[in-house]
Amino acid sequence: MNKVNDERFIVSVKVGPKGQITIPKEARDMFDIKEGETLMVMGDKLRGIALLKADLFYKIVEGNK
């Protein structure tokens, strides 16, 4: 892992034979991602792929109600 600062890092992951990736421990810790949690996968051909915790995604979509 290449830590840029306390709020950012860069890490590479490999895609397995079933299309799965492992989220590095440092990322799971930083974003408090626990086993069994649901993540949203968003993609844009020009901008790439992003992961977001589902609860945060729905808060954003609902306008933080």
Protein backbone atom coordinates (compact mmCIF):
# COMPACT_ATOMS: atom_id res chain seq x y z
CA MET A 1 0.00 0.00 0.00
CA ASN A 2 1.20 3.48 -0.81
CA LYS A 3 -0.10 5.89 1.83
CA VAL A 4 -0.44 9.42 0.46
CA ASN A 5 -1.57 10.95 3.78
CA ASP A 6 -3.91 10.10 6.67
CA GLU A 7 -6.97 10.43 4.43
CA ARG A 8 -5.75 8.88 1.16
CA PHE A 9 -3.88 5.86 -0.10
CA ILE A 10 -3.24 3.99 -3.32
CA VAL A 11 -3.25 0.20 -3.51
CA SER A 12 -3.53 -2.33 -6.31
CA VAL A 13 -5.72 -5.43 -6.11
CA LYS A 14 -6.05 -8.39 -8.45
CA VAL A 15 -9.31 -9.68 -9.87
CA GLY A 16 -9.77 -13.37 -9.12
CA PRO A 17 -11.24 -16.03 -11.43
CA LYS A 18 -14.79 -15.25 -10.22
CA GLY A 19 -14.36 -11.50 -10.77
CA GLN A 20 -13.84 -10.85 -7.06
CA ILE A 21 -11.40 -8.48 -5.41
CA THR A 22 -10.23 -8.25 -1.82
CA ILE A 23 -10.57 -4.87 -0.17
CA PRO A 24 -7.29 -4.30 1.68
CA LYS A 25 -7.43 -4.22 5.49
CA GLU A 26 -6.23 -0.60 5.56
CA ALA A 27 -9.20 0.42 3.38
CA ARG A 28 -11.66 -1.64 5.44
CA ASP A 29 -10.34 -0.02 8.61
CA MET A 30 -10.36 3.52 7.17
CA PHE A 31 -13.96 3.18 5.97
CA ASP A 32 -15.16 0.92 8.79
CA ILE A 33 -16.24 -1.83 6.38
CA LYS A 34 -17.30 -4.97 8.24
CA GLU A 35 -17.84 -8.51 7.01
CA GLY A 36 -21.31 -8.93 5.52
CA GLU A 37 -21.85 -5.22 4.83
CA THR A 38 -23.37 -4.19 1.52
CA LEU A 39 -21.40 -1.96 -0.82
CA MET A 40 -22.64 -0.17 -3.90
CA VAL A 41 -20.52 -0.50 -7.05
CA MET A 42 -20.86 2.48 -9.35
CA GLY A 43 -19.24 2.76 -12.75
CA ASP A 44 -18.72 5.32 -15.44
CA LYS A 45 -16.81 4.45 -18.62
CA LEU A 46 -14.88 7.71 -18.52
CA ARG A 47 -14.35 8.09 -14.76
CA GLY A 48 -13.95 4.48 -13.60
CA ILE A 49 -15.38 2.41 -10.75
CA ALA A 50 -16.23 3.53 -7.21
CA LEU A 51 -17.33 1.63 -4.10
CA LEU A 52 -19.57 3.20 -1.48
CA LYS A 53 -21.13 1.77 1.66
CA ALA A 54 -24.83 1.19 0.95
CA ASP A 55 -26.07 3.10 4.01
CA LEU A 56 -24.10 6.21 2.96
CA PHE A 57 -25.29 5.83 -0.64
CA TYR A 58 -28.94 5.80 0.43
CA LYS A 59 -28.42 8.83 2.69
CA ILE A 60 -27.01 10.74 -0.26
CA VAL A 61 -29.82 9.62 -2.58
CA GLU A 62 -32.47 10.58 -0.01
CA GLY A 63 -30.87 13.99 0.51
CA ASN A 64 -29.59 13.25 4.06
CA LYS A 65 -33.13 13.17 5.49
